[in-house]
Amino acid sequence: GHGGYYGAQQIQGLVAHYYDFVRPGTAIELNRCIHNTMADSPRDKSGHCRNGAKDCEDCRTRNIDDIYSAHFTICQKPWICPH
């Protein structure tokens, strides 16, 4: 089952359940800089990519015309977001 993480009983858990149990093997990973971007730093304080990859894109430099959707968890309100 799913659980034990923030959002497990909300839409995140519903989507995880759908692609794991209803339509297994059909999920694809989207580019986080253009789909549901949070305009956050891709690196941790030691300079390593947060996703474990060797190289990672800095979403804060992405042209806004390329972005499909944004998630304001980090910036809170779009009019106060520094990115």
PDB file of N, CA and C in Angstrom:
ATOM      1  N   GLY A   1       0.802  -1.189   0.000  1.00  0.00           N
ATOM      2  CA  GLY A   1       0.000   0.000   0.000  1.00  0.00           C
ATOM      3  C   GLY A   1       0.847   1.256   0.000  1.00  0.00           C
ATOM      4  N   HIS A   2       0.174   2.361   0.062  1.00  0.00           N
ATOM      5  CA  HIS A   2       0.830   3.657   0.061  1.00  0.00           C
ATOM      6  C   HIS A   2       0.581   4.336   1.391  1.00  0.00           C
ATOM      7  N   GLY A   3       1.508   5.126   1.800  1.00  0.00           N
ATOM      8  CA  GLY A   3       1.349   5.879   3.037  1.00  0.00           C
ATOM      9  C   GLY A   3       2.693   6.217   3.628  1.00  0.00           C
ATOM     10  N   GLY A   4       2.639   6.941   4.724  1.00  0.00           N
ATOM     11  CA  GLY A   4       3.881   7.284   5.400  1.00  0.00           C
ATOM     12  C   GLY A   4       4.602   8.483   4.829  1.00  0.00           C
ATOM     13  N   TYR A   5       3.958   9.223   3.952  1.00  0.00           N
ATOM     14  CA  TYR A   5       4.574  10.432   3.422  1.00  0.00           C
ATOM     15  C   TYR A   5       3.514  11.522   3.316  1.00  0.00           C
ATOM     16  N   TYR A   6       3.980  12.780   3.308  1.00  0.00           N
ATOM     17  CA  TYR A   6       3.067  13.908   3.220  1.00  0.00           C
ATOM     18  C   TYR A   6       2.259  13.810   1.928  1.00  0.00           C
ATOM     19  N   GLY A   7       0.978  13.912   2.044  1.00  0.00           N
ATOM     20  CA  GLY A   7       0.108  13.872   0.873  1.00  0.00           C
ATOM     21  C   GLY A   7      -0.416  12.494   0.527  1.00  0.00           C
ATOM     22  N   ALA A   8      -0.060  11.477   1.310  1.00  0.00           N
ATOM     23  CA  ALA A   8      -0.484  10.112   0.995  1.00  0.00           C
ATOM     24  C   ALA A   8      -1.999   9.976   0.984  1.00  0.00           C
ATOM     25  N   GLN A   9      -2.689  10.761   1.799  1.00  0.00           N
ATOM     26  CA  GLN A   9      -4.142  10.686   1.833  1.00  0.00           C
ATOM     27  C   GLN A   9      -4.788  11.790   1.004  1.00  0.00           C
ATOM     28  N   GLN A  10      -3.988  12.492   0.202  1.00  0.00           N
ATOM     29  CA  GLN A  10      -4.509  13.522  -0.692  1.00  0.00           C
ATOM     30  C   GLN A  10      -4.235  13.106  -2.138  1.00  0.00           C
ATOM     31  N   ILE A  11      -4.134  14.084  -3.023  1.00  0.00           N
ATOM     32  CA  ILE A  11      -3.984  13.804  -4.456  1.00  0.00           C
ATOM     33  C   ILE A  11      -2.698  13.029  -4.761  1.00  0.00           C
ATOM     34  N   GLN A  12      -1.610  13.308  -4.017  1.00  0.00           N
ATOM     35  CA  GLN A  12      -0.365  12.584  -4.275  1.00  0.00           C
ATOM     36  C   GLN A  12      -0.561  11.081  -4.084  1.00  0.00           C
ATOM     37  N   GLY A  13      -1.266  10.701  -3.031  1.00  0.00           N
ATOM     38  CA  GLY A  13      -1.520   9.291  -2.770  1.00  0.00           C
ATOM     39  C   GLY A  13      -2.476   8.684  -3.783  1.00  0.00           C
ATOM     40  N   LEU A  14      -3.454   9.468  -4.210  1.00  0.00           N
ATOM     41  CA  LEU A  14      -4.401   8.991  -5.215  1.00  0.00           C
ATOM     42  C   LEU A  14      -3.692   8.704  -6.535  1.00  0.00           C
ATOM     43  N   VAL A  15      -2.823   9.599  -6.945  1.00  0.00           N
ATOM     44  CA  VAL A  15      -2.081   9.408  -8.200  1.00  0.00           C
ATOM     45  C   VAL A  15      -1.137   8.216  -8.074  1.00  0.00           C
ATOM     46  N   ALA A  16      -0.437   8.100  -6.937  1.00  0.00           N
ATOM     47  CA  ALA A  16       0.460   6.957  -6.731  1.00  0.00           C
ATOM     48  C   ALA A  16      -0.316   5.643  -6.791  1.00  0.00           C
ATOM     49  N   HIS A  17      -1.449   5.593  -6.132  1.00  0.00           N
ATOM     50  CA  HIS A  17      -2.287   4.381  -6.145  1.00  0.00           C
ATOM     51  C   HIS A  17      -2.746   4.058  -7.574  1.00  0.00           C
ATOM     52  N   TYR A  18      -3.200   5.072  -8.292  1.00  0.00           N
ATOM     53  CA  TYR A  18      -3.693   4.860  -9.654  1.00  0.00           C
ATOM     54  C   TYR A  18      -2.621   4.226 -10.536  1.00  0.00           C
ATOM     55  N   TYR A  19      -1.410   4.803 -10.536  1.00  0.00           N
ATOM     56  CA  TYR A  19      -0.372   4.302 -11.429  1.00  0.00           C
ATOM     57  C   TYR A  19       0.311   3.046 -10.910  1.00  0.00           C
ATOM     58  N   ASP A  20       0.176   2.718  -9.633  1.00  0.00           N
ATOM     59  CA  ASP A  20       0.743   1.469  -9.124  1.00  0.00           C
ATOM     60  C   ASP A  20      -0.234   0.298  -9.213  1.00  0.00           C
ATOM     61  N   PHE A  21      -1.537   0.574  -9.046  1.00  0.00           N
ATOM     62  CA  PHE A  21      -2.508  -0.519  -8.971  1.00  0.00           C
ATOM     63  C   PHE A  21      -3.529  -0.548 -10.114  1.00  0.00           C
ATOM     64  N   VAL A  22      -4.021   0.588 -10.544  1.00  0.00           N
ATOM     65  CA  VAL A  22      -5.039   0.623 -11.594  1.00  0.00           C
ATOM     66  C   VAL A  22      -4.397   0.529 -12.978  1.00  0.00           C
ATOM     67  N   ARG A  23      -3.329   1.292 -13.206  1.00  0.00           N
ATOM     68  CA  ARG A  23      -2.636   1.308 -14.508  1.00  0.00           C
ATOM     69  C   ARG A  23      -1.142   1.072 -14.323  1.00  0.00           C
ATOM     70  N   PRO A  24      -0.725  -0.058 -13.768  1.00  0.00           N
ATOM     71  CA  PRO A  24       0.702  -0.300 -13.505  1.00  0.00           C
ATOM     72  C   PRO A  24       1.534  -0.297 -14.782  1.00  0.00           C
ATOM     73  N   GLY A  25       2.737   0.235 -14.662  1.00  0.00           N
ATOM     74  CA  GLY A  25       3.657   0.250 -15.794  1.00  0.00           C
ATOM     75  C   GLY A  25       3.400   1.333 -16.819  1.00  0.00           C
ATOM     76  N   THR A  26       2.478   2.261 -16.549  1.00  0.00           N
ATOM     77  CA  THR A  26       2.161   3.295 -17.536  1.00  0.00           C
ATOM     78  C   THR A  26       2.618   4.690 -17.119  1.00  0.00           C
ATOM     79  N   ALA A  27       3.161   4.844 -15.923  1.00  0.00           N
ATOM     80  CA  ALA A  27       3.589   6.166 -15.450  1.00  0.00           C
ATOM     81  C   ALA A  27       4.885   6.586 -16.136  1.00  0.00           C
ATOM     82  N   ILE A  28       5.047   7.890 -16.329  1.00  0.00           N
ATOM     83  CA  ILE A  28       6.299   8.432 -16.843  1.00  0.00           C
ATOM     84  C   ILE A  28       6.718   9.594 -15.940  1.00  0.00           C
ATOM     85  N   GLU A  29       8.014   9.814 -15.833  1.00  0.00           N
ATOM     86  CA  GLU A  29       8.509  10.923 -15.028  1.00  0.00           C
ATOM     87  C   GLU A  29       8.608  12.162 -15.904  1.00  0.00           C
ATOM     88  N   LEU A  30       8.020  13.265 -15.438  1.00  0.00           N
ATOM     89  CA  LEU A  30       8.048  14.516 -16.186  1.00  0.00           C
ATOM     90  C   LEU A  30       9.183  15.402 -15.686  1.00  0.00           C
ATOM     91  N   ASN A  31       9.620  16.327 -16.508  1.00  0.00           N
ATOM     92  CA  ASN A  31      10.662  17.272 -16.122  1.00  0.00           C
ATOM     93  C   ASN A  31      10.118  18.205 -15.043  1.00  0.00           C
ATOM     94  N   ARG A  32      10.705  18.160 -13.846  1.00  0.00           N
ATOM     95  CA  ARG A  32      10.222  18.941 -12.713  1.00  0.00           C
ATOM     96  C   ARG A  32      10.414  20.442 -12.893  1.00  0.00           C
ATOM     97  N   CYS A  33      11.181  20.848 -13.884  1.00  0.00           N
ATOM     98  CA  CYS A  33      11.384  22.277 -14.118  1.00  0.00           C
ATOM     99  C   CYS A  33      10.281  22.882 -14.987  1.00  0.00           C
ATOM    100  N   ILE A  34       9.497  22.043 -15.660  1.00  0.00           N
ATOM    101  CA  ILE A  34       8.415  22.588 -16.485  1.00  0.00           C
ATOM    102  C   ILE A  34       7.029  22.097 -16.055  1.00  0.00           C
ATOM    103  N   HIS A  35       6.958  20.999 -15.337  1.00  0.00           N
ATOM    104  CA  HIS A  35       5.685  20.474 -14.841  1.00  0.00           C
ATOM    105  C   HIS A  35       5.662  20.559 -13.318  1.00  0.00           C
ATOM    106  N   ASN A  36       4.796  21.391 -12.775  1.00  0.00           N
ATOM    107  CA  ASN A  36       4.635  21.554 -11.327  1.00  0.00           C
ATOM    108  C   ASN A  36       5.921  22.074 -10.672  1.00  0.00           C
ATOM    109  N   THR A  37       6.603  22.980 -11.336  1.00  0.00           N
ATOM    110  CA  THR A  37       7.878  23.499 -10.833  1.00  0.00           C
ATOM    111  C   THR A  37       7.698  24.266  -9.523  1.00  0.00           C
ATOM    112  N   MET A  38       8.713  24.190  -8.667  1.00  0.00           N
ATOM    113  CA  MET A  38       8.705  24.943  -7.413  1.00  0.00           C
ATOM    114  C   MET A  38       9.808  25.998  -7.403  1.00  0.00           C
ATOM    115  N   ALA A  39      10.532  26.123  -8.518  1.00  0.00           N
ATOM    116  CA  ALA A  39      11.611  27.114  -8.642  1.00  0.00           C
ATOM    117  C   ALA A  39      12.563  27.039  -7.462  1.00  0.00           C
ATOM    118  N   ASP A  40      12.943  25.824  -7.095  1.00  0.00           N
ATOM    119  CA  ASP A  40      13.843  25.625  -5.967  1.00  0.00           C
ATOM    120  C   ASP A  40      15.238  25.235  -6.453  1.00  0.00           C
ATOM    121  N   SER A  41      16.191  25.290  -5.558  1.00  0.00           N
ATOM    122  CA  SER A  41      17.555  24.901  -5.889  1.00  0.00           C
ATOM    123  C   SER A  41      17.622  23.391  -6.054  1.00  0.00           C
ATOM    124  N   PRO A  42      18.271  22.916  -7.116  1.00  0.00           N
ATOM    125  CA  PRO A  42      18.355  21.476  -7.315  1.00  0.00           C
ATOM    126  C   PRO A  42      19.435  20.821  -6.451  1.00  0.00           C
ATOM    127  N   ARG A  43      20.234  21.628  -5.779  1.00  0.00           N
ATOM    128  CA  ARG A  43      21.367  21.101  -5.006  1.00  0.00           C
ATOM    129  C   ARG A  43      21.183  21.325  -3.502  1.00  0.00           C
ATOM    130  N   ASP A  44      21.754  20.421  -2.724  1.00  0.00           N
ATOM    131  CA  ASP A  44      21.709  20.581  -1.277  1.00  0.00           C
ATOM    132  C   ASP A  44      22.863  21.492  -0.842  1.00  0.00           C
ATOM    133  N   LYS A  45      23.029  21.690   0.449  1.00  0.00           N
ATOM    134  CA  LYS A  45      24.050  22.618   0.960  1.00  0.00           C
ATOM    135  C   LYS A  45      25.468  22.180   0.622  1.00  0.00           C
ATOM    136  N   SER A  46      25.676  20.893   0.386  1.00  0.00           N
ATOM    137  CA  SER A  46      27.011  20.405   0.029  1.00  0.00           C
ATOM    138  C   SER A  46      27.255  20.440  -1.486  1.00  0.00           C
ATOM    139  N   GLY A  47      26.239  20.869  -2.258  1.00  0.00           N
ATOM    140  CA  GLY A  47      26.405  21.011  -3.702  1.00  0.00           C
ATOM    141  C   GLY A  47      25.994  19.802  -4.520  1.00  0.00           C
ATOM    142  N   HIS A  48      25.483  18.750  -3.868  1.00  0.00           N
ATOM    143  CA  HIS A  48      25.050  17.548  -4.576  1.00  0.00           C
ATOM    144  C   HIS A  48      23.613  17.705  -5.065  1.00  0.00           C
ATOM    145  N   CYS A  49      23.314  17.102  -6.204  1.00  0.00           N
ATOM    146  CA  CYS A  49      21.953  17.132  -6.733  1.00  0.00           C
ATOM    147  C   CYS A  49      21.010  16.431  -5.758  1.00  0.00           C
ATOM    148  N   ARG A  50      19.884  17.049  -5.484  1.00  0.00           N
ATOM    149  CA  ARG A  50      18.913  16.478  -4.537  1.00  0.00           C
ATOM    150  C   ARG A  50      18.312  15.169  -5.035  1.00  0.00           C
ATOM    151  N   ASN A  51      18.268  14.979  -6.355  1.00  0.00           N
ATOM    152  CA  ASN A  51      17.682  13.755  -6.905  1.00  0.00           C
ATOM    153  C   ASN A  51      18.701  12.631  -7.065  1.00  0.00           C
ATOM    154  N   GLY A  52      19.937  12.862  -6.631  1.00  0.00           N
ATOM    155  CA  GLY A  52      20.963  11.835  -6.698  1.00  0.00           C
ATOM    156  C   GLY A  52      21.685  11.746  -8.028  1.00  0.00           C
ATOM    157  N   ALA A  53      21.267  12.545  -9.004  1.00  0.00           N
ATOM    158  CA  ALA A  53      21.913  12.522 -10.319  1.00  0.00           C
ATOM    159  C   ALA A  53      23.270  13.233 -10.262  1.00  0.00           C
ATOM    160  N   LYS A  54      24.105  12.954 -11.261  1.00  0.00           N
ATOM    161  CA  LYS A  54      25.409  13.607 -11.339  1.00  0.00           C
ATOM    162  C   LYS A  54      25.263  15.082 -11.711  1.00  0.00           C
ATOM    163  N   ASP A  55      24.337  15.371 -12.612  1.00  0.00           N
ATOM    164  CA  ASP A  55      24.086  16.737 -13.051  1.00  0.00           C
ATOM    165  C   ASP A  55      22.586  17.009 -12.943  1.00  0.00           C
ATOM    166  N   CYS A  56      22.234  18.236 -12.556  1.00  0.00           N
ATOM    167  CA  CYS A  56      20.814  18.561 -12.400  1.00  0.00           C
ATOM    168  C   CYS A  56      20.559  20.005 -12.864  1.00  0.00           C
ATOM    169  N   GLU A  57      19.424  20.181 -13.494  1.00  0.00           N
ATOM    170  CA  GLU A  57      19.030  21.498 -14.002  1.00  0.00           C
ATOM    171  C   GLU A  57      18.572  22.401 -12.867  1.00  0.00           C
ATOM    172  N   ASP A  58      18.979  23.659 -12.906  1.00  0.00           N
ATOM    173  CA  ASP A  58      18.501  24.644 -11.939  1.00  0.00           C
ATOM    174  C   ASP A  58      17.214  25.243 -12.497  1.00  0.00           C
ATOM    175  N   CYS A  59      16.086  24.848 -11.921  1.00  0.00           N
ATOM    176  CA  CYS A  59      14.773  25.276 -12.424  1.00  0.00           C
ATOM    177  C   CYS A  59      14.565  26.781 -12.329  1.00  0.00           C
ATOM    178  N   ARG A  60      15.330  27.443 -11.484  1.00  0.00           N
ATOM    179  CA  ARG A  60      15.181  28.890 -11.320  1.00  0.00           C
ATOM    180  C   ARG A  60      15.637  29.659 -12.549  1.00  0.00           C
ATOM    181  N   THR A  61      16.390  28.998 -13.431  1.00  0.00           N
ATOM    182  CA  THR A  61      16.864  29.672 -14.639  1.00  0.00           C
ATOM    183  C   THR A  61      16.002  29.347 -15.869  1.00  0.00           C
ATOM    184  N   ARG A  62      15.008  28.519 -15.694  1.00  0.00           N
ATOM    185  CA  ARG A  62      14.124  28.115 -16.802  1.00  0.00           C
ATOM    186  C   ARG A  62      13.289  29.305 -17.256  1.00  0.00           C
ATOM    187  N   ASN A  63      13.155  29.493 -18.572  1.00  0.00           N
ATOM    188  CA  ASN A  63      12.333  30.552 -19.132  1.00  0.00           C
ATOM    189  C   ASN A  63      10.875  30.297 -18.765  1.00  0.00           C
ATOM    190  N   ILE A  64      10.196  31.291 -18.267  1.00  0.00           N
ATOM    191  CA  ILE A  64       8.810  31.126 -17.815  1.00  0.00           C
ATOM    192  C   ILE A  64       7.871  30.674 -18.939  1.00  0.00           C
ATOM    193  N   ASP A  65       8.202  30.992 -20.173  1.00  0.00           N
ATOM    194  CA  ASP A  65       7.374  30.565 -21.309  1.00  0.00           C
ATOM    195  C   ASP A  65       7.414  29.045 -21.517  1.00  0.00           C
ATOM    196  N   ASP A  66       8.427  28.361 -20.954  1.00  0.00           N
ATOM    197  CA  ASP A  66       8.563  26.910 -21.077  1.00  0.00           C
ATOM    198  C   ASP A  66       7.779  26.146 -20.007  1.00  0.00           C
ATOM    199  N   ILE A  67       7.305  26.834 -18.977  1.00  0.00           N
ATOM    200  CA  ILE A  67       6.689  26.191 -17.818  1.00  0.00           C
ATOM    201  C   ILE A  67       5.194  25.967 -18.039  1.00  0.00           C
ATOM    202  N   TYR A  68       4.737  24.742 -17.779  1.00  0.00           N
ATOM    203  CA  TYR A  68       3.316  24.388 -17.913  1.00  0.00           C
ATOM    204  C   TYR A  68       2.538  24.690 -16.634  1.00  0.00           C
ATOM    205  N   SER A  69       3.137  24.386 -15.476  1.00  0.00           N
ATOM    206  CA  SER A  69       2.447  24.629 -14.205  1.00  0.00           C
ATOM    207  C   SER A  69       3.469  24.872 -13.098  1.00  0.00           C
ATOM    208  N   ALA A  70       3.034  25.606 -12.072  1.00  0.00           N
ATOM    209  CA  ALA A  70       3.907  25.930 -10.944  1.00  0.00           C
ATOM    210  C   ALA A  70       3.228  25.524  -9.636  1.00  0.00           C
ATOM    211  N   HIS A  71       4.043  25.178  -8.669  1.00  0.00           N
ATOM    212  CA  HIS A  71       3.585  24.765  -7.340  1.00  0.00           C
ATOM    213  C   HIS A  71       4.210  25.745  -6.351  1.00  0.00           C
ATOM    214  N   PHE A  72       3.398  26.428  -5.584  1.00  0.00           N
ATOM    215  CA  PHE A  72       3.906  27.520  -4.750  1.00  0.00           C
ATOM    216  C   PHE A  72       4.190  27.136  -3.298  1.00  0.00           C
ATOM    217  N   THR A  73       4.558  25.886  -3.031  1.00  0.00           N
ATOM    218  CA  THR A  73       4.885  25.464  -1.673  1.00  0.00           C
ATOM    219  C   THR A  73       6.054  26.267  -1.113  1.00  0.00           C
ATOM    220  N   ILE A  74       7.088  26.451  -1.876  1.00  0.00           N
ATOM    221  CA  ILE A  74       8.281  27.145  -1.391  1.00  0.00           C
ATOM    222  C   ILE A  74       8.093  28.655  -1.416  1.00  0.00           C
ATOM    223  N   CYS A  75       7.606  29.186  -2.510  1.00  0.00           N
ATOM    224  CA  CYS A  75       7.460  30.640  -2.643  1.00  0.00           C
ATOM    225  C   CYS A  75       6.211  31.196  -1.957  1.00  0.00           C
ATOM    226  N   GLN A  76       5.275  30.364  -1.623  1.00  0.00           N
ATOM    227  CA  GLN A  76       4.005  30.759  -1.015  1.00  0.00           C
ATOM    228  C   GLN A  76       3.112  31.480  -2.019  1.00  0.00           C
ATOM    229  N   LYS A  77       3.305  32.747  -2.224  1.00  0.00           N
ATOM    230  CA  LYS A  77       2.474  33.526  -3.155  1.00  0.00           C
ATOM    231  C   LYS A  77       3.318  33.948  -4.353  1.00  0.00           C
ATOM    232  N   PRO A  78       2.783  33.847  -5.570  1.00  0.00           N
ATOM    233  CA  PRO A  78       3.586  34.173  -6.756  1.00  0.00           C
ATOM    234  C   PRO A  78       4.115  35.602  -6.772  1.00  0.00           C
ATOM    235  N   TRP A  79       3.402  36.535  -6.154  1.00  0.00           N
ATOM    236  CA  TRP A  79       3.837  37.924  -6.190  1.00  0.00           C
ATOM    237  C   TRP A  79       4.954  38.221  -5.197  1.00  0.00           C
ATOM    238  N   ILE A  80       5.315  37.249  -4.321  1.00  0.00           N
ATOM    239  CA  ILE A  80       6.452  37.474  -3.421  1.00  0.00           C
ATOM    240  C   ILE A  80       7.607  36.501  -3.711  1.00  0.00           C
ATOM    241  N   CYS A  81       7.479  35.695  -4.747  1.00  0.00           N
ATOM    242  CA  CYS A  81       8.510  34.723  -5.090  1.00  0.00           C
ATOM    243  C   CYS A  81       9.690  35.444  -5.742  1.00  0.00           C
ATOM    244  N   PRO A  82      10.897  35.252  -5.207  1.00  0.00           N
ATOM    245  CA  PRO A  82      12.059  35.949  -5.773  1.00  0.00           C
ATOM    246  C   PRO A  82      12.555  35.365  -7.089  1.00  0.00           C
ATOM    247  N   HIS A  83      12.012  34.226  -7.515  1.00  0.00           N
ATOM    248  CA  HIS A  83      12.491  33.576  -8.746  1.00  0.00           C
ATOM    249  C   HIS A  83      11.534  33.868  -9.842  1.00  0.00           C
TER     250      HIS A  83
END
